Amino acid sequence: MMLDIESALSCRASLPEVINIHNNIAQMNVGRVHGVRQGDRLKLWHSAGFIDQKGIPRNRMVETDISLTVDRV
Protein backbone atom coordinates (compact mmCIF):
# COMPACT_ATOMS: atom_id res chain seq x y z
CA MET A 1 0.00 0.00 0.00
CA MET A 2 2.86 2.40 0.81
CA LEU A 3 4.39 1.88 -2.65
CA ASP A 4 1.05 2.63 -4.33
CA ILE A 5 0.67 5.86 -2.36
CA GLU A 6 4.24 6.92 -3.06
CA SER A 7 3.84 6.17 -6.77
CA ALA A 8 0.59 8.12 -7.02
CA LEU A 9 2.02 11.16 -5.27
CA SER A 10 5.38 11.21 -7.06
CA CYS A 11 3.82 11.75 -10.49
CA ARG A 12 1.82 14.84 -9.58
CA ALA A 13 2.95 18.17 -10.97
CA SER A 14 3.22 20.92 -8.41
CA LEU A 15 0.98 23.93 -8.87
CA PRO A 16 2.81 26.85 -7.32
CA GLU A 17 0.75 29.81 -6.20
CA VAL A 18 1.42 33.51 -5.81
CA ILE A 19 1.12 34.07 -2.07
CA ASN A 20 2.08 37.75 -1.80
CA ILE A 21 2.52 40.77 -4.08
CA HIS A 22 4.19 43.97 -2.88
CA ASN A 23 5.83 46.78 -4.91
CA ASN A 24 5.70 44.82 -8.19
CA ILE A 25 7.37 41.78 -6.56
CA ALA A 26 5.48 38.49 -6.42
CA GLN A 27 6.29 35.88 -3.78
CA MET A 28 5.48 32.27 -4.70
CA ASN A 29 5.40 29.00 -2.79
CA VAL A 30 7.88 27.27 -5.09
CA GLY A 31 11.62 27.02 -4.74
CA ARG A 32 14.87 25.14 -5.06
CA VAL A 33 13.33 21.72 -4.33
CA HIS A 34 11.06 22.24 -7.34
CA GLY A 35 14.02 22.95 -9.63
CA VAL A 36 13.63 26.74 -9.71
CA ARG A 37 16.86 28.73 -10.07
CA GLN A 38 17.72 32.40 -10.01
CA GLY A 39 17.22 33.93 -13.47
CA ASP A 40 14.52 31.45 -14.56
CA ARG A 41 11.58 32.95 -16.43
CA LEU A 42 8.16 31.67 -15.44
CA LYS A 43 4.84 32.12 -17.25
CA LEU A 44 1.86 33.04 -15.11
CA TRP A 45 -1.29 30.95 -15.50
CA HIS A 46 -4.50 31.21 -13.53
CA SER A 47 -7.15 28.73 -12.57
CA ALA A 48 -10.43 29.29 -14.37
CA GLY A 49 -12.40 26.36 -13.00
CA PHE A 50 -16.17 26.36 -12.77
CA ILE A 51 -19.07 24.01 -12.06
CA ASP A 52 -21.17 23.21 -15.11
CA GLN A 53 -24.98 23.00 -15.32
CA LYS A 54 -24.91 19.34 -14.27
CA GLY A 55 -22.87 20.12 -11.14
CA ILE A 56 -19.63 18.68 -12.52
CA PRO A 57 -16.48 20.66 -11.63
CA ARG A 58 -14.55 21.66 -14.75
CA ASN A 59 -10.96 22.65 -14.07
CA ARG A 60 -9.12 24.77 -16.58
CA MET A 61 -5.84 26.66 -16.57
CA VAL A 62 -5.56 29.84 -18.64
CA GLU A 63 -2.20 31.26 -19.74
CA THR A 64 -1.69 35.00 -19.23
CA ASP A 65 0.68 37.40 -21.00
CA ILE A 66 2.61 37.86 -17.73
CA SER A 67 6.07 36.38 -17.31
CA LEU A 68 8.06 36.46 -14.09
CA THR A 69 11.83 36.42 -13.65
CA VAL A 70 13.16 34.65 -10.56
CA ASP A 71 15.24 37.09 -8.54
CA ARG A 72 15.79 35.07 -5.36
CA VAL A 73 15.25 31.42 -4.45
PDB file of N, CA and C in Angstrom:
ATOM      1  N   MET A   1       0.823  -1.181   0.000  1.00  0.00           N
ATOM      2  CA  MET A   1       0.000   0.000   0.000  1.00  0.00           C
ATOM      3  C   MET A   1       0.876   1.258   0.000  1.00  0.00           C
ATOM      4  N   MET A   2       1.965   1.243   0.752  1.00  0.00           N
ATOM      5  CA  MET A   2       2.861   2.401   0.808  1.00  0.00           C
ATOM      6  C   MET A   2       3.450   2.709  -0.563  1.00  0.00           C
ATOM      7  N   LEU A   3       3.818   1.669  -1.314  1.00  0.00           N
ATOM      8  CA  LEU A   3       4.387   1.884  -2.646  1.00  0.00           C
ATOM      9  C   LEU A   3       3.357   2.489  -3.593  1.00  0.00           C
ATOM     10  N   ASP A   4       2.104   2.065  -3.493  1.00  0.00           N
ATOM     11  CA  ASP A   4       1.048   2.630  -4.329  1.00  0.00           C
ATOM     12  C   ASP A   4       0.842   4.106  -4.032  1.00  0.00           C
ATOM     13  N   ILE A   5       0.841   4.452  -2.755  1.00  0.00           N
ATOM     14  CA  ILE A   5       0.669   5.857  -2.364  1.00  0.00           C
ATOM     15  C   ILE A   5       1.850   6.691  -2.838  1.00  0.00           C
ATOM     16  N   GLU A   6       3.048   6.192  -2.634  1.00  0.00           N
ATOM     17  CA  GLU A   6       4.242   6.921  -3.058  1.00  0.00           C
ATOM     18  C   GLU A   6       4.251   7.109  -4.573  1.00  0.00           C
ATOM     19  N   SER A   7       3.871   6.089  -5.311  1.00  0.00           N
ATOM     20  CA  SER A   7       3.841   6.169  -6.767  1.00  0.00           C
ATOM     21  C   SER A   7       2.804   7.186  -7.236  1.00  0.00           C
ATOM     22  N   ALA A   8       1.648   7.178  -6.634  1.00  0.00           N
ATOM     23  CA  ALA A   8       0.586   8.115  -7.022  1.00  0.00           C
ATOM     24  C   ALA A   8       0.982   9.555  -6.751  1.00  0.00           C
ATOM     25  N   LEU A   9       1.648   9.796  -5.632  1.00  0.00           N
ATOM     26  CA  LEU A   9       2.020  11.159  -5.271  1.00  0.00           C
ATOM     27  C   LEU A   9       3.245  11.661  -6.022  1.00  0.00           C
ATOM     28  N   SER A  10       4.141  10.778  -6.412  1.00  0.00           N
ATOM     29  CA  SER A  10       5.379  11.213  -7.056  1.00  0.00           C
ATOM     30  C   SER A  10       5.152  11.716  -8.477  1.00  0.00           C
ATOM     31  N   CYS A  11       4.068  11.360  -9.096  1.00  0.00           N
ATOM     32  CA  CYS A  11       3.816  11.749 -10.485  1.00  0.00           C
ATOM     33  C   CYS A  11       3.031  13.052 -10.609  1.00  0.00           C
ATOM     34  N   ARG A  12       2.634  13.630  -9.520  1.00  0.00           N
ATOM     35  CA  ARG A  12       1.823  14.839  -9.583  1.00  0.00           C
ATOM     36  C   ARG A  12       2.692  16.078  -9.805  1.00  0.00           C
ATOM     37  N   ALA A  13       2.256  16.904 -10.727  1.00  0.00           N
ATOM     38  CA  ALA A  13       2.950  18.171 -10.972  1.00  0.00           C
ATOM     39  C   ALA A  13       2.571  19.157  -9.870  1.00  0.00           C
ATOM     40  N   SER A  14       3.534  19.926  -9.425  1.00  0.00           N
ATOM     41  CA  SER A  14       3.224  20.923  -8.409  1.00  0.00           C
ATOM     42  C   SER A  14       2.564  22.126  -9.072  1.00  0.00           C
ATOM     43  N   LEU A  15       1.635  22.731  -8.376  1.00  0.00           N
ATOM     44  CA  LEU A  15       0.979  23.933  -8.867  1.00  0.00           C
ATOM     45  C   LEU A  15       1.312  25.069  -7.917  1.00  0.00           C
ATOM     46  N   PRO A  16       2.420  25.756  -8.195  1.00  0.00           N
ATOM     47  CA  PRO A  16       2.807  26.854  -7.317  1.00  0.00           C
ATOM     48  C   PRO A  16       1.781  27.974  -7.371  1.00  0.00           C
ATOM     49  N   GLU A  17       1.698  28.708  -6.289  1.00  0.00           N
ATOM     50  CA  GLU A  17       0.754  29.813  -6.197  1.00  0.00           C
ATOM     51  C   GLU A  17       1.473  31.089  -5.797  1.00  0.00           C
ATOM     52  N   VAL A  18       0.955  32.201  -6.268  1.00  0.00           N
ATOM     53  CA  VAL A  18       1.425  33.507  -5.808  1.00  0.00           C
ATOM     54  C   VAL A  18       0.808  33.713  -4.436  1.00  0.00           C
ATOM     55  N   ILE A  19       1.644  33.919  -3.426  1.00  0.00           N
ATOM     56  CA  ILE A  19       1.125  34.067  -2.067  1.00  0.00           C
ATOM     57  C   ILE A  19       1.205  35.500  -1.541  1.00  0.00           C
ATOM     58  N   ASN A  20       1.964  36.364  -2.235  1.00  0.00           N
ATOM     59  CA  ASN A  20       2.075  37.749  -1.797  1.00  0.00           C
ATOM     60  C   ASN A  20       2.565  38.598  -2.965  1.00  0.00           C
ATOM     61  N   ILE A  21       2.035  39.800  -3.081  1.00  0.00           N
ATOM     62  CA  ILE A  21       2.520  40.766  -4.076  1.00  0.00           C
ATOM     63  C   ILE A  21       2.704  42.095  -3.363  1.00  0.00           C
ATOM     64  N   HIS A  22       3.895  42.687  -3.514  1.00  0.00           N
ATOM     65  CA  HIS A  22       4.189  43.971  -2.881  1.00  0.00           C
ATOM     66  C   HIS A  22       5.214  44.710  -3.730  1.00  0.00           C
ATOM     67  N   ASN A  23       4.921  45.955  -4.102  1.00  0.00           N
ATOM     68  CA  ASN A  23       5.830  46.777  -4.909  1.00  0.00           C
ATOM     69  C   ASN A  23       6.303  46.061  -6.174  1.00  0.00           C
ATOM     70  N   ASN A  24       5.380  45.473  -6.917  1.00  0.00           N
ATOM     71  CA  ASN A  24       5.703  44.819  -8.190  1.00  0.00           C
ATOM     72  C   ASN A  24       6.570  43.567  -8.027  1.00  0.00           C
ATOM     73  N   ILE A  25       6.624  43.010  -6.821  1.00  0.00           N
ATOM     74  CA  ILE A  25       7.370  41.776  -6.561  1.00  0.00           C
ATOM     75  C   ILE A  25       6.378  40.725  -6.089  1.00  0.00           C
ATOM     76  N   ALA A  26       6.376  39.584  -6.779  1.00  0.00           N
ATOM     77  CA  ALA A  26       5.476  38.493  -6.415  1.00  0.00           C
ATOM     78  C   ALA A  26       6.263  37.435  -5.652  1.00  0.00           C
ATOM     79  N   GLN A  27       5.692  36.957  -4.557  1.00  0.00           N
ATOM     80  CA  GLN A  27       6.295  35.879  -3.778  1.00  0.00           C
ATOM     81  C   GLN A  27       5.460  34.624  -4.042  1.00  0.00           C
ATOM     82  N   MET A  28       6.168  33.517  -4.359  1.00  0.00           N
ATOM     83  CA  MET A  28       5.480  32.272  -4.696  1.00  0.00           C
ATOM     84  C   MET A  28       5.917  31.149  -3.771  1.00  0.00           C
ATOM     85  N   ASN A  29       5.073  30.145  -3.639  1.00  0.00           N
ATOM     86  CA  ASN A  29       5.400  29.003  -2.787  1.00  0.00           C
ATOM     87  C   ASN A  29       6.038  27.882  -3.618  1.00  0.00           C
ATOM     88  N   VAL A  30       7.102  28.221  -4.295  1.00  0.00           N
ATOM     89  CA  VAL A  30       7.879  27.270  -5.088  1.00  0.00           C
ATOM     90  C   VAL A  30       9.344  27.656  -4.919  1.00  0.00           C
ATOM     91  N   GLY A  31      10.234  26.683  -4.992  1.00  0.00           N
ATOM     92  CA  GLY A  31      11.624  27.020  -4.740  1.00  0.00           C
ATOM     93  C   GLY A  31      12.612  26.012  -5.277  1.00  0.00           C
ATOM     94  N   ARG A  32      13.740  25.961  -4.633  1.00  0.00           N
ATOM     95  CA  ARG A  32      14.875  25.140  -5.061  1.00  0.00           C
ATOM     96  C   ARG A  32      14.501  23.666  -5.205  1.00  0.00           C
ATOM     97  N   VAL A  33      13.706  23.138  -4.270  1.00  0.00           N
ATOM     98  CA  VAL A  33      13.331  21.725  -4.327  1.00  0.00           C
ATOM     99  C   VAL A  33      12.459  21.401  -5.536  1.00  0.00           C
ATOM    100  N   HIS A  34      11.867  22.428  -6.146  1.00  0.00           N
ATOM    101  CA  HIS A  34      11.058  22.241  -7.344  1.00  0.00           C
ATOM    102  C   HIS A  34      11.873  22.474  -8.623  1.00  0.00           C
ATOM    103  N   GLY A  35      13.162  22.746  -8.472  1.00  0.00           N
ATOM    104  CA  GLY A  35      14.021  22.952  -9.630  1.00  0.00           C
ATOM    105  C   GLY A  35      14.106  24.385 -10.109  1.00  0.00           C
ATOM    106  N   VAL A  36      13.592  25.327  -9.335  1.00  0.00           N
ATOM    107  CA  VAL A  36      13.628  26.742  -9.714  1.00  0.00           C
ATOM    108  C   VAL A  36      14.991  27.316  -9.363  1.00  0.00           C
ATOM    109  N   ARG A  37      15.557  28.091 -10.299  1.00  0.00           N
ATOM    110  CA  ARG A  37      16.862  28.726 -10.070  1.00  0.00           C
ATOM    111  C   ARG A  37      16.762  30.219 -10.356  1.00  0.00           C
ATOM    112  N   GLN A  38      17.677  30.961  -9.783  1.00  0.00           N
ATOM    113  CA  GLN A  38      17.721  32.403 -10.014  1.00  0.00           C
ATOM    114  C   GLN A  38      17.913  32.661 -11.507  1.00  0.00           C
ATOM    115  N   GLY A  39      17.142  33.604 -12.052  1.00  0.00           N
ATOM    116  CA  GLY A  39      17.219  33.934 -13.466  1.00  0.00           C
ATOM    117  C   GLY A  39      16.197  33.204 -14.330  1.00  0.00           C
ATOM    118  N   ASP A  40      15.558  32.162 -13.796  1.00  0.00           N
ATOM    119  CA  ASP A  40      14.523  31.449 -14.565  1.00  0.00           C
ATOM    120  C   ASP A  40      13.385  32.402 -14.892  1.00  0.00           C
ATOM    121  N   ARG A  41      12.770  32.180 -16.050  1.00  0.00           N
ATOM    122  CA  ARG A  41      11.585  32.952 -16.433  1.00  0.00           C
ATOM    123  C   ARG A  41      10.382  32.023 -16.356  1.00  0.00           C
ATOM    124  N   LEU A  42       9.361  32.466 -15.647  1.00  0.00           N
ATOM    125  CA  LEU A  42       8.160  31.667 -15.445  1.00  0.00           C
ATOM    126  C   LEU A  42       6.963  32.353 -16.076  1.00  0.00           C
ATOM    127  N   LYS A  43       6.099  31.586 -16.707  1.00  0.00           N
ATOM    128  CA  LYS A  43       4.843  32.118 -17.249  1.00  0.00           C
ATOM    129  C   LYS A  43       3.776  32.023 -16.174  1.00  0.00           C
ATOM    130  N   LEU A  44       2.926  33.021 -16.102  1.00  0.00           N
ATOM    131  CA  LEU A  44       1.860  33.039 -15.112  1.00  0.00           C
ATOM    132  C   LEU A  44       0.569  32.511 -15.739  1.00  0.00           C
ATOM    133  N   TRP A  45      -0.010  31.526 -15.095  1.00  0.00           N
ATOM    134  CA  TRP A  45      -1.295  30.946 -15.504  1.00  0.00           C
ATOM    135  C   TRP A  45      -2.263  31.169 -14.352  1.00  0.00           C
ATOM    136  N   HIS A  46      -3.549  31.145 -14.638  1.00  0.00           N
ATOM    137  CA  HIS A  46      -4.503  31.210 -13.534  1.00  0.00           C
ATOM    138  C   HIS A  46      -5.577  30.151 -13.708  1.00  0.00           C
ATOM    139  N   SER A  47      -6.116  29.750 -12.582  1.00  0.00           N
ATOM    140  CA  SER A  47      -7.150  28.729 -12.570  1.00  0.00           C
ATOM    141  C   SER A  47      -8.478  29.365 -12.957  1.00  0.00           C
ATOM    142  N   ALA A  48      -9.149  28.771 -13.919  1.00  0.00           N
ATOM    143  CA  ALA A  48     -10.435  29.286 -14.372  1.00  0.00           C
ATOM    144  C   ALA A  48     -11.485  28.180 -14.282  1.00  0.00           C
ATOM    145  N   GLY A  49     -11.467  27.457 -13.181  1.00  0.00           N
ATOM    146  CA  GLY A  49     -12.402  26.359 -13.001  1.00  0.00           C
ATOM    147  C   GLY A  49     -13.807  26.862 -12.715  1.00  0.00           C
ATOM    148  N   PHE A  50     -14.778  26.025 -13.026  1.00  0.00           N
ATOM    149  CA  PHE A  50     -16.174  26.357 -12.768  1.00  0.00           C
ATOM    150  C   PHE A  50     -16.961  25.056 -12.618  1.00  0.00           C
ATOM    151  N   ILE A  51     -18.184  25.161 -12.161  1.00  0.00           N
ATOM    152  CA  ILE A  51     -19.072  24.006 -12.057  1.00  0.00           C
ATOM    153  C   ILE A  51     -20.124  24.150 -13.140  1.00  0.00           C
ATOM    154  N   ASP A  52     -20.235  23.121 -13.980  1.00  0.00           N
ATOM    155  CA  ASP A  52     -21.171  23.209 -15.112  1.00  0.00           C
ATOM    156  C   ASP A  52     -22.618  23.027 -14.655  1.00  0.00           C
ATOM    157  N   GLN A  53     -23.555  23.060 -15.621  1.00  0.00           N
ATOM    158  CA  GLN A  53     -24.984  23.004 -15.317  1.00  0.00           C
ATOM    159  C   GLN A  53     -25.402  21.686 -14.679  1.00  0.00           C
ATOM    160  N   LYS A  54     -24.590  20.637 -14.862  1.00  0.00           N
ATOM    161  CA  LYS A  54     -24.911  19.337 -14.268  1.00  0.00           C
ATOM    162  C   LYS A  54     -24.217  19.142 -12.916  1.00  0.00           C
ATOM    163  N   GLY A  55     -23.526  20.187 -12.435  1.00  0.00           N
ATOM    164  CA  GLY A  55     -22.869  20.123 -11.143  1.00  0.00           C
ATOM    165  C   GLY A  55     -21.493  19.480 -11.179  1.00  0.00           C
ATOM    166  N   ILE A  56     -20.950  19.299 -12.371  1.00  0.00           N
ATOM    167  CA  ILE A  56     -19.628  18.680 -12.516  1.00  0.00           C
ATOM    168  C   ILE A  56     -18.559  19.765 -12.516  1.00  0.00           C
ATOM    169  N   PRO A  57     -17.557  19.655 -11.619  1.00  0.00           N
ATOM    170  CA  PRO A  57     -16.478  20.655 -11.630  1.00  0.00           C
ATOM    171  C   PRO A  57     -15.628  20.522 -12.893  1.00  0.00           C
ATOM    172  N   ARG A  58     -15.395  21.617 -13.550  1.00  0.00           N
ATOM    173  CA  ARG A  58     -14.552  21.663 -14.748  1.00  0.00           C
ATOM    174  C   ARG A  58     -13.352  22.538 -14.433  1.00  0.00           C
ATOM    175  N   ASN A  59     -12.192  21.921 -14.387  1.00  0.00           N
ATOM    176  CA  ASN A  59     -10.963  22.654 -14.071  1.00  0.00           C
ATOM    177  C   ASN A  59     -10.263  23.044 -15.356  1.00  0.00           C
ATOM    178  N   ARG A  60      -9.790  24.273 -15.395  1.00  0.00           N
ATOM    179  CA  ARG A  60      -9.118  24.770 -16.582  1.00  0.00           C
ATOM    180  C   ARG A  60      -8.050  25.756 -16.156  1.00  0.00           C
ATOM    181  N   MET A  61      -6.909  25.707 -16.824  1.00  0.00           N
ATOM    182  CA  MET A  61      -5.837  26.658 -16.572  1.00  0.00           C
ATOM    183  C   MET A  61      -5.709  27.557 -17.801  1.00  0.00           C
ATOM    184  N   VAL A  62      -5.637  28.858 -17.555  1.00  0.00           N
ATOM    185  CA  VAL A  62      -5.558  29.835 -18.639  1.00  0.00           C
ATOM    186  C   VAL A  62      -4.219  30.557 -18.563  1.00  0.00           C
ATOM    187  N   GLU A  63      -3.490  30.575 -19.679  1.00  0.00           N
ATOM    188  CA  GLU A  63      -2.197  31.256 -19.736  1.00  0.00           C
ATOM    189  C   GLU A  63      -2.406  32.762 -19.876  1.00  0.00           C
ATOM    190  N   THR A  64      -1.623  33.539 -19.125  1.00  0.00           N
ATOM    191  CA  THR A  64      -1.690  35.000 -19.232  1.00  0.00           C
ATOM    192  C   THR A  64      -0.486  35.500 -20.031  1.00  0.00           C
ATOM    193  N   ASP A  65      -0.454  36.790 -20.296  1.00  0.00           N
ATOM    194  CA  ASP A  65       0.677  37.401 -20.996  1.00  0.00           C
ATOM    195  C   ASP A  65       1.802  37.777 -20.033  1.00  0.00           C
ATOM    196  N   ILE A  66       1.644  37.467 -18.766  1.00  0.00           N
ATOM    197  CA  ILE A  66       2.609  37.864 -17.735  1.00  0.00           C
ATOM    198  C   ILE A  66       3.709  36.821 -17.604  1.00  0.00           C
ATOM    199  N   SER A  67       4.963  37.270 -17.608  1.00  0.00           N
ATOM    200  CA  SER A  67       6.074  36.379 -17.314  1.00  0.00           C
ATOM    201  C   SER A  67       6.840  36.955 -16.122  1.00  0.00           C
ATOM    202  N   LEU A  68       7.348  36.063 -15.294  1.00  0.00           N
ATOM    203  CA  LEU A  68       8.059  36.456 -14.086  1.00  0.00           C
ATOM    204  C   LEU A  68       9.506  35.992 -14.175  1.00  0.00           C
ATOM    205  N   THR A  69      10.430  36.802 -13.701  1.00  0.00           N
ATOM    206  CA  THR A  69      11.833  36.421 -13.646  1.00  0.00           C
ATOM    207  C   THR A  69      12.196  36.176 -12.187  1.00  0.00           C
ATOM    208  N   VAL A  70      12.796  35.022 -11.931  1.00  0.00           N
ATOM    209  CA  VAL A  70      13.159  34.645 -10.564  1.00  0.00           C
ATOM    210  C   VAL A  70      14.368  35.475 -10.129  1.00  0.00           C
ATOM    211  N   ASP A  71      14.182  36.228  -9.055  1.00  0.00           N
ATOM    212  CA  ASP A  71      15.242  37.095  -8.538  1.00  0.00           C
ATOM    213  C   ASP A  71      15.960  36.428  -7.367  1.00  0.00           C
ATOM    214  N   ARG A  72      15.211  35.689  -6.555  1.00  0.00           N
ATOM    215  CA  ARG A  72      15.789  35.069  -5.362  1.00  0.00           C
ATOM    216  C   ARG A  72      15.073  33.757  -5.097  1.00  0.00           C
ATOM    217  N   VAL A  73      15.832  32.732  -4.750  1.00  0.00           N
ATOM    218  CA  VAL A  73      15.252  31.419  -4.454  1.00  0.00           C
ATOM    219  C   VAL A  73      15.460  31.123  -2.978  1.00  0.00           C
TER     220      VAL A  73
END
